[in-house]
């Protein structure tokens, strides 16, 4: 981050860095606040790839797909990276353009992705097929070797997508099996496979199942705007 911000004056660099840090901290728990911080950083560092990437991710997380696509494209122009190509394709889906997402899935950029990136691209492509009502084609898209012998979060997400598509096709027993496989690979809880299994198996959780201290009271007080919040830290 510091290397990328070297092109800014010291004061601007510190301002942008603080917003980027706060955007990262808020990303999972408060996506809207993360977006406000990322937008503040981008206003001061429009030519810095890191700032454009942060805003792209935050915009995508909050459903601002057109803005996310614009920022991802800017990030790509600045850095030359295609790492976010699957997410860009998913933005096209979010904008109601599944055919464009499929076109991106067949582009030369996909060959530049790492193994996890190629899996993400397949998940997006399968989603586009589902958008078009092509459930069988979506299942075929997801049937790659990593589906059965892969490991890690990418494999968990692939199996989850496969399970969800099976369920959409009315194949509930198979879907349940693959949700179990997804949960087994999902060490970090990146999917809600456990909840989907419980739903399909008719399991109901009660308050007694929730560990003591699992629910924390929210801190009182109104939420400050992003720029004021940063300057107070």
C-alpha atoms as a PDB file:
ATOM      1  CA  UNK A   1       0.000   0.000   0.000  1.00  0.00           C
ATOM      2  CA  UNK A   2       2.744   2.440   0.928  1.00  0.00           C
ATOM      3  CA  UNK A   3       4.583   1.838  -2.348  1.00  0.00           C
ATOM      4  CA  UNK A   4       1.441   2.524  -4.372  1.00  0.00           C
ATOM      5  CA  UNK A   5       0.775   5.728  -2.422  1.00  0.00           C
ATOM      6  CA  UNK A   6       4.284   7.113  -2.988  1.00  0.00           C
ATOM      7  CA  UNK A   7       2.969   9.138  -5.935  1.00  0.00           C
ATOM      8  CA  UNK A   8       0.840  11.243  -3.548  1.00  0.00           C
ATOM      9  CA  UNK A   9       1.927  13.995  -1.220  1.00  0.00           C
ATOM     10  CA  UNK A  10       2.534  12.867   2.354  1.00  0.00           C
ATOM     11  CA  UNK A  11      -0.705  14.394   3.620  1.00  0.00           C
ATOM     12  CA  UNK A  12      -2.803  12.877   0.844  1.00  0.00           C
ATOM     13  CA  UNK A  13      -1.104   9.503   1.204  1.00  0.00           C
ATOM     14  CA  UNK A  14      -1.896   9.356   4.928  1.00  0.00           C
ATOM     15  CA  UNK A  15      -5.509  10.397   4.333  1.00  0.00           C
ATOM     16  CA  UNK A  16      -5.990   7.749   1.632  1.00  0.00           C
ATOM     17  CA  UNK A  17      -4.234   5.038   3.647  1.00  0.00           C
ATOM     18  CA  UNK A  18      -6.485   5.627   6.650  1.00  0.00           C
ATOM     19  CA  UNK A  19      -9.600   5.329   4.498  1.00  0.00           C
ATOM     20  CA  UNK A  20      -8.345   2.164   2.822  1.00  0.00           C
ATOM     21  CA  UNK A  21      -7.597   0.568   6.179  1.00  0.00           C
ATOM     22  CA  UNK A  22     -11.047   1.457   7.479  1.00  0.00           C
ATOM     23  CA  UNK A  23     -12.674   0.152   4.289  1.00  0.00           C
ATOM     24  CA  UNK A  24     -10.926  -3.186   4.790  1.00  0.00           C
ATOM     25  CA  UNK A  25     -11.968  -3.352   8.453  1.00  0.00           C
ATOM     26  CA  UNK A  26     -15.636  -2.625   7.671  1.00  0.00           C
ATOM     27  CA  UNK A  27     -15.879  -4.732   4.514  1.00  0.00           C
ATOM     28  CA  UNK A  28     -17.501  -7.823   6.042  1.00  0.00           C
ATOM     29  CA  UNK A  29     -19.581  -6.334   8.858  1.00  0.00           C
ATOM     30  CA  UNK A  30     -20.665  -3.002   7.356  1.00  0.00           C
ATOM     31  CA  UNK A  31     -20.294  -3.012   3.538  1.00  0.00           C
ATOM     32  CA  UNK A  32     -21.966   0.372   3.154  1.00  0.00           C
ATOM     33  CA  UNK A  33     -19.489   2.021   5.517  1.00  0.00           C
ATOM     34  CA  UNK A  34     -16.669   0.272   3.673  1.00  0.00           C
ATOM     35  CA  UNK A  35     -18.017   1.751   0.438  1.00  0.00           C
ATOM     36  CA  UNK A  36     -18.037   5.272   1.896  1.00  0.00           C
ATOM     37  CA  UNK A  37     -14.426   4.935   3.041  1.00  0.00           C
ATOM     38  CA  UNK A  38     -13.330   3.506  -0.308  1.00  0.00           C
ATOM     39  CA  UNK A  39     -15.118   6.314  -2.153  1.00  0.00           C
ATOM     40  CA  UNK A  40     -13.316   8.879   0.007  1.00  0.00           C
ATOM     41  CA  UNK A  41      -9.970   7.254  -0.830  1.00  0.00           C
ATOM     42  CA  UNK A  42     -10.743   7.170  -4.539  1.00  0.00           C
ATOM     43  CA  UNK A  43     -11.608  10.889  -4.572  1.00  0.00           C
ATOM     44  CA  UNK A  44      -8.065  11.711  -3.413  1.00  0.00           C
ATOM     45  CA  UNK A  45      -6.241   8.956  -5.335  1.00  0.00           C
ATOM     46  CA  UNK A  46      -8.004   8.371  -8.622  1.00  0.00           C
ATOM     47  CA  UNK A  47      -4.772   7.358 -10.348  1.00  0.00           C
ATOM     48  CA  UNK A  48      -3.767   4.828  -7.707  1.00  0.00           C
ATOM     49  CA  UNK A  49      -4.725   1.260  -8.581  1.00  0.00           C
ATOM     50  CA  UNK A  50      -5.240   0.253  -4.960  1.00  0.00           C
ATOM     51  CA  UNK A  51      -7.845   2.964  -4.422  1.00  0.00           C
ATOM     52  CA  UNK A  52      -9.731   2.020  -7.594  1.00  0.00           C
ATOM     53  CA  UNK A  53      -9.629  -1.654  -6.584  1.00  0.00           C
ATOM     54  CA  UNK A  54     -10.953  -0.921  -3.092  1.00  0.00           C
ATOM     55  CA  UNK A  55     -13.873   1.086  -4.440  1.00  0.00           C
ATOM     56  CA  UNK A  56     -14.611  -1.564  -7.079  1.00  0.00           C
ATOM     57  CA  UNK A  57     -14.803  -4.309  -4.459  1.00  0.00           C
ATOM     58  CA  UNK A  58     -16.909  -2.209  -2.075  1.00  0.00           C
ATOM     59  CA  UNK A  59     -19.277  -1.157  -4.862  1.00  0.00           C
ATOM     60  CA  UNK A  60     -19.653  -4.785  -5.932  1.00  0.00           C
ATOM     61  CA  UNK A  61     -20.285  -5.856  -2.323  1.00  0.00           C
ATOM     62  CA  UNK A  62     -23.106  -3.307  -2.016  1.00  0.00           C
ATOM     63  CA  UNK A  63     -24.725  -4.116  -5.364  1.00  0.00           C
ATOM     64  CA  UNK A  64     -23.514  -1.026  -7.238  1.00  0.00           C
ATOM     65  CA  UNK A  65     -22.586  -3.136 -10.253  1.00  0.00           C
ATOM     66  CA  UNK A  66     -22.225  -0.387 -12.865  1.00  0.00           C
ATOM     67  CA  UNK A  67     -19.889   1.605 -10.631  1.00  0.00           C
ATOM     68  CA  UNK A  68     -17.974  -1.534  -9.682  1.00  0.00           C
ATOM     69  CA  UNK A  69     -17.439  -2.402 -13.336  1.00  0.00           C
ATOM     70  CA  UNK A  70     -16.148   1.094 -14.080  1.00  0.00           C
ATOM     71  CA  UNK A  71     -13.682   0.905 -11.187  1.00  0.00           C
ATOM     72  CA  UNK A  72     -12.530  -2.623 -12.028  1.00  0.00           C
ATOM     73  CA  UNK A  73     -11.823  -1.491 -15.587  1.00  0.00           C
ATOM     74  CA  UNK A  74      -9.834   1.461 -14.289  1.00  0.00           C
ATOM     75  CA  UNK A  75      -7.872  -0.832 -11.973  1.00  0.00           C
ATOM     76  CA  UNK A  76      -7.084  -3.084 -14.911  1.00  0.00           C
ATOM     77  CA  UNK A  77      -5.921  -0.153 -17.059  1.00  0.00           C
ATOM     78  CA  UNK A  78      -3.644   1.110 -14.291  1.00  0.00           C
ATOM     79  CA  UNK A  79      -2.156  -2.220 -13.209  1.00  0.00           C
ATOM     80  CA  UNK A  80      -2.617  -4.588 -16.142  1.00  0.00           C
ATOM     81  CA  UNK A  81      -4.045  -7.185 -13.729  1.00  0.00           C
ATOM     82  CA  UNK A  82      -6.890  -9.508 -14.761  1.00  0.00           C
ATOM     83  CA  UNK A  83      -7.341 -10.927 -11.252  1.00  0.00           C
ATOM     84  CA  UNK A  84     -10.847  -9.481 -10.976  1.00  0.00           C
ATOM     85  CA  UNK A  85     -12.040 -10.714 -14.374  1.00  0.00           C
ATOM     86  CA  UNK A  86     -14.570 -13.175 -12.838  1.00  0.00           C
ATOM     87  CA  UNK A  87     -15.992 -10.463 -10.600  1.00  0.00           C
ATOM     88  CA  UNK A  88     -16.272  -8.122 -13.568  1.00  0.00           C
ATOM     89  CA  UNK A  89     -18.224 -10.826 -15.380  1.00  0.00           C
ATOM     90  CA  UNK A  90     -20.466 -11.203 -12.338  1.00  0.00           C
ATOM     91  CA  UNK A  91     -21.115  -7.454 -12.469  1.00  0.00           C
ATOM     92  CA  UNK A  92     -22.400  -7.995 -16.012  1.00  0.00           C
ATOM     93  CA  UNK A  93     -24.781 -10.584 -14.587  1.00  0.00           C
ATOM     94  CA  UNK A  94     -25.866  -8.109 -11.926  1.00  0.00           C
ATOM     95  CA  UNK A  95     -26.644  -5.620 -14.693  1.00  0.00           C
ATOM     96  CA  UNK A  96     -28.847  -8.190 -16.445  1.00  0.00           C
ATOM     97  CA  UNK A  97     -26.323  -9.089 -19.151  1.00  0.00           C
ATOM     98  CA  UNK A  98     -25.632 -12.850 -18.756  1.00  0.00           C
ATOM     99  CA  UNK A  99     -24.607 -13.179 -22.403  1.00  0.00           C
ATOM    100  CA  UNK A 100     -21.811 -10.660 -21.797  1.00  0.00           C
ATOM    101  CA  UNK A 101     -20.682 -12.653 -18.758  1.00  0.00           C
ATOM    102  CA  UNK A 102     -20.496 -15.807 -20.895  1.00  0.00           C
ATOM    103  CA  UNK A 103     -18.545 -13.929 -23.540  1.00  0.00           C
ATOM    104  CA  UNK A 104     -16.026 -12.916 -20.869  1.00  0.00           C
ATOM    105  CA  UNK A 105     -15.840 -16.517 -19.635  1.00  0.00           C
ATOM    106  CA  UNK A 106     -14.627 -17.556 -23.080  1.00  0.00           C
ATOM    107  CA  UNK A 107     -12.066 -14.769 -23.498  1.00  0.00           C
ATOM    108  CA  UNK A 108      -8.280 -15.026 -23.550  1.00  0.00           C
ATOM    109  CA  UNK A 109      -8.091 -13.236 -20.165  1.00  0.00           C
ATOM    110  CA  UNK A 110      -9.296 -16.405 -18.441  1.00  0.00           C
ATOM    111  CA  UNK A 111      -6.074 -18.189 -19.398  1.00  0.00           C
ATOM    112  CA  UNK A 112      -4.149 -15.581 -17.390  1.00  0.00           C
ATOM    113  CA  UNK A 113      -6.022 -16.378 -14.165  1.00  0.00           C
ATOM    114  CA  UNK A 114      -4.609 -18.663 -11.495  1.00  0.00           C
ATOM    115  CA  UNK A 115      -6.333 -21.963 -10.647  1.00  0.00           C
ATOM    116  CA  UNK A 116      -8.700 -20.391  -8.100  1.00  0.00           C
ATOM    117  CA  UNK A 117      -9.534 -17.594 -10.514  1.00  0.00           C
ATOM    118  CA  UNK A 118     -10.482 -20.082 -13.218  1.00  0.00           C
ATOM    119  CA  UNK A 119     -12.792 -21.840 -10.784  1.00  0.00           C
ATOM    120  CA  UNK A 120     -14.423 -18.513  -9.906  1.00  0.00           C
ATOM    121  CA  UNK A 121     -14.895 -17.871 -13.612  1.00  0.00           C
ATOM    122  CA  UNK A 122     -16.688 -21.186 -13.993  1.00  0.00           C
ATOM    123  CA  UNK A 123     -18.958 -20.366 -11.062  1.00  0.00           C
ATOM    124  CA  UNK A 124     -19.880 -17.056 -12.675  1.00  0.00           C
ATOM    125  CA  UNK A 125     -20.417 -18.697 -16.069  1.00  0.00           C
ATOM    126  CA  UNK A 126     -22.673 -21.308 -14.486  1.00  0.00           C
ATOM    127  CA  UNK A 127     -24.622 -18.508 -12.821  1.00  0.00           C
ATOM    128  CA  UNK A 128     -25.056 -16.836 -16.208  1.00  0.00           C
ATOM    129  CA  UNK A 129     -26.376 -20.109 -17.630  1.00  0.00           C
ATOM    130  CA  UNK A 130     -28.868 -20.240 -14.763  1.00  0.00           C
ATOM    131  CA  UNK A 131     -29.901 -16.661 -15.504  1.00  0.00           C
ATOM    132  CA  UNK A 132     -30.779 -17.877 -18.995  1.00  0.00           C
ATOM    133  CA  UNK A 133     -32.692 -20.879 -17.662  1.00  0.00           C
ATOM    134  CA  UNK A 134     -30.039 -23.334 -18.854  1.00  0.00           C
ATOM    135  CA  UNK A 135     -29.712 -25.483 -15.729  1.00  0.00           C
ATOM    136  CA  UNK A 136     -28.227 -28.534 -17.446  1.00  0.00           C
ATOM    137  CA  UNK A 137     -25.583 -26.379 -19.122  1.00  0.00           C
ATOM    138  CA  UNK A 138     -24.811 -24.756 -15.762  1.00  0.00           C
ATOM    139  CA  UNK A 139     -24.194 -28.175 -14.193  1.00  0.00           C
ATOM    140  CA  UNK A 140     -21.929 -29.193 -17.066  1.00  0.00           C
ATOM    141  CA  UNK A 141     -19.958 -25.952 -16.645  1.00  0.00           C
ATOM    142  CA  UNK A 142     -19.258 -26.828 -13.003  1.00  0.00           C
ATOM    143  CA  UNK A 143     -18.212 -30.438 -13.649  1.00  0.00           C
ATOM    144  CA  UNK A 144     -14.455 -30.037 -13.639  1.00  0.00           C
ATOM    145  CA  UNK A 145     -11.825 -32.206 -11.889  1.00  0.00           C
ATOM    146  CA  UNK A 146     -11.608 -29.744  -8.972  1.00  0.00           C
ATOM    147  CA  UNK A 147     -15.245 -30.520  -8.137  1.00  0.00           C
ATOM    148  CA  UNK A 148     -14.283 -33.909  -6.702  1.00  0.00           C
ATOM    149  CA  UNK A 149     -10.614 -33.643  -5.841  1.00  0.00           C
ATOM    150  CA  UNK A 150      -9.967 -29.962  -5.208  1.00  0.00           C
ATOM    151  CA  UNK A 151      -9.398 -28.437  -1.777  1.00  0.00           C
ATOM    152  CA  UNK A 152      -9.608 -25.052  -0.108  1.00  0.00           C
ATOM    153  CA  UNK A 153     -12.115 -22.235  -0.419  1.00  0.00           C
ATOM    154  CA  UNK A 154     -12.302 -22.319  -4.214  1.00  0.00           C
ATOM    155  CA  UNK A 155     -13.293 -25.998  -4.112  1.00  0.00           C
ATOM    156  CA  UNK A 156     -15.835 -25.274  -1.373  1.00  0.00           C
ATOM    157  CA  UNK A 157     -17.408 -22.532  -3.470  1.00  0.00           C
ATOM    158  CA  UNK A 158     -17.431 -24.747  -6.560  1.00  0.00           C
ATOM    159  CA  UNK A 159     -19.191 -27.559  -4.695  1.00  0.00           C
ATOM    160  CA  UNK A 160     -21.629 -25.110  -3.150  1.00  0.00           C
ATOM    161  CA  UNK A 161     -22.507 -23.701  -6.581  1.00  0.00           C
ATOM    162  CA  UNK A 162     -22.977 -27.229  -7.903  1.00  0.00           C
ATOM    163  CA  UNK A 163     -25.224 -28.146  -4.964  1.00  0.00           C
ATOM    164  CA  UNK A 164     -27.304 -24.996  -5.383  1.00  0.00           C
ATOM    165  CA  UNK A 165     -27.741 -25.654  -9.096  1.00  0.00           C
ATOM    166  CA  UNK A 166     -28.790 -29.259  -8.433  1.00  0.00           C
ATOM    167  CA  UNK A 167     -31.367 -27.926  -5.986  1.00  0.00           C
ATOM    168  CA  UNK A 168     -32.656 -25.457  -8.588  1.00  0.00           C
ATOM    169  CA  UNK A 169     -33.009 -28.411 -10.979  1.00  0.00           C
ATOM    170  CA  UNK A 170     -35.155 -30.265  -8.427  1.00  0.00           C
ATOM    171  CA  UNK A 171     -32.507 -32.864  -7.566  1.00  0.00           C
ATOM    172  CA  UNK A 172     -32.709 -32.407  -3.798  1.00  0.00           C
ATOM    173  CA  UNK A 173     -30.994 -35.627  -2.659  1.00  0.00           C
ATOM    174  CA  UNK A 174     -27.952 -34.942  -4.838  1.00  0.00           C
ATOM    175  CA  UNK A 175     -27.948 -31.306  -3.761  1.00  0.00           C
ATOM    176  CA  UNK A 176     -27.852 -32.331  -0.097  1.00  0.00           C
ATOM    177  CA  UNK A 177     -24.867 -34.600  -0.766  1.00  0.00           C
ATOM    178  CA  UNK A 178     -22.952 -31.778  -2.445  1.00  0.00           C
ATOM    179  CA  UNK A 179     -23.828 -29.261   0.257  1.00  0.00           C
ATOM    180  CA  UNK A 180     -22.245 -31.721   2.698  1.00  0.00           C
ATOM    181  CA  UNK A 181     -19.156 -31.906   0.476  1.00  0.00           C
ATOM    182  CA  UNK A 182     -19.014 -28.125   0.293  1.00  0.00           C
ATOM    183  CA  UNK A 183     -19.266 -27.826   4.079  1.00  0.00           C
ATOM    184  CA  UNK A 184     -16.470 -30.369   4.534  1.00  0.00           C
ATOM    185  CA  UNK A 185     -14.138 -28.263   2.384  1.00  0.00           C
ATOM    186  CA  UNK A 186     -15.259 -24.912   3.835  1.00  0.00           C
ATOM    187  CA  UNK A 187     -12.916 -24.607   6.796  1.00  0.00           C
ATOM    188  CA  UNK A 188     -13.329 -20.829   7.041  1.00  0.00           C
ATOM    189  CA  UNK A 189     -17.114 -20.697   6.715  1.00  0.00           C
ATOM    190  CA  UNK A 190     -17.075 -18.758   3.448  1.00  0.00           C
ATOM    191  CA  UNK A 191     -20.397 -20.311   2.401  1.00  0.00           C
ATOM    192  CA  UNK A 192     -23.634 -20.978   4.250  1.00  0.00           C
ATOM    193  CA  UNK A 193     -23.505 -24.678   3.368  1.00  0.00           C
ATOM    194  CA  UNK A 194     -24.214 -25.698   6.981  1.00  0.00           C
ATOM    195  CA  UNK A 195     -27.387 -23.612   7.047  1.00  0.00           C
ATOM    196  CA  UNK A 196     -28.512 -25.023   3.693  1.00  0.00           C
ATOM    197  CA  UNK A 197     -27.979 -28.570   4.990  1.00  0.00           C
ATOM    198  CA  UNK A 198     -30.013 -27.808   8.109  1.00  0.00           C
ATOM    199  CA  UNK A 199     -32.796 -26.365   5.983  1.00  0.00           C
ATOM    200  CA  UNK A 200     -32.919 -29.401   3.691  1.00  0.00           C
ATOM    201  CA  UNK A 201     -32.736 -31.854   6.602  1.00  0.00           C
ATOM    202  CA  UNK A 202     -35.410 -29.988   8.572  1.00  0.00           C
ATOM    203  CA  UNK A 203     -33.134 -29.107  11.476  1.00  0.00           C
ATOM    204  CA  UNK A 204     -34.277 -26.152  13.586  1.00  0.00           C
ATOM    205  CA  UNK A 205     -31.828 -24.269  15.798  1.00  0.00           C
ATOM    206  CA  UNK A 206     -32.995 -22.868  19.136  1.00  0.00           C
ATOM    207  CA  UNK A 207     -31.461 -20.251  21.418  1.00  0.00           C
ATOM    208  CA  UNK A 208     -29.956 -23.081  23.479  1.00  0.00           C
ATOM    209  CA  UNK A 209     -27.819 -23.996  20.451  1.00  0.00           C
ATOM    210  CA  UNK A 210     -26.210 -20.547  20.330  1.00  0.00           C
ATOM    211  CA  UNK A 211     -22.957 -20.313  22.348  1.00  0.00           C
ATOM    212  CA  UNK A 212     -22.934 -17.842  25.226  1.00  0.00           C
ATOM    213  CA  UNK A 213     -21.562 -14.506  24.020  1.00  0.00           C
ATOM    214  CA  UNK A 214     -22.227 -15.253  20.346  1.00  0.00           C
ATOM    215  CA  UNK A 215     -24.490 -12.223  20.089  1.00  0.00           C
ATOM    216  CA  UNK A 216     -22.950  -8.950  21.175  1.00  0.00           C
ATOM    217  CA  UNK A 217     -24.969  -5.824  21.839  1.00  0.00           C
ATOM    218  CA  UNK A 218     -24.421  -3.092  19.300  1.00  0.00           C
ATOM    219  CA  UNK A 219     -22.575  -0.035  20.581  1.00  0.00           C
ATOM    220  CA  UNK A 220     -24.907   2.920  21.216  1.00  0.00           C
ATOM    221  CA  UNK A 221     -24.683   6.123  19.254  1.00  0.00           C
ATOM    222  CA  UNK A 222     -25.260   7.227  15.708  1.00  0.00           C
ATOM    223  CA  UNK A 223     -22.861   6.237  12.925  1.00  0.00           C
ATOM    224  CA  UNK A 224     -20.548   9.066  11.868  1.00  0.00           C
ATOM    225  CA  UNK A 225     -19.846   9.757   8.242  1.00  0.00           C
ATOM    226  CA  UNK A 226     -16.769   8.122   6.734  1.00  0.00           C
ATOM    227  CA  UNK A 227     -14.428  11.093   6.620  1.00  0.00           C
ATOM    228  CA  UNK A 228     -15.165  12.207  10.181  1.00  0.00           C
ATOM    229  CA  UNK A 229     -14.740   8.615  11.370  1.00  0.00           C
ATOM    230  CA  UNK A 230     -11.270   8.382   9.856  1.00  0.00           C
ATOM    231  CA  UNK A 231     -10.047  11.680  11.163  1.00  0.00           C
ATOM    232  CA  UNK A 232     -11.030  10.608  14.667  1.00  0.00           C
ATOM    233  CA  UNK A 233      -8.717   7.564  14.519  1.00  0.00           C
END
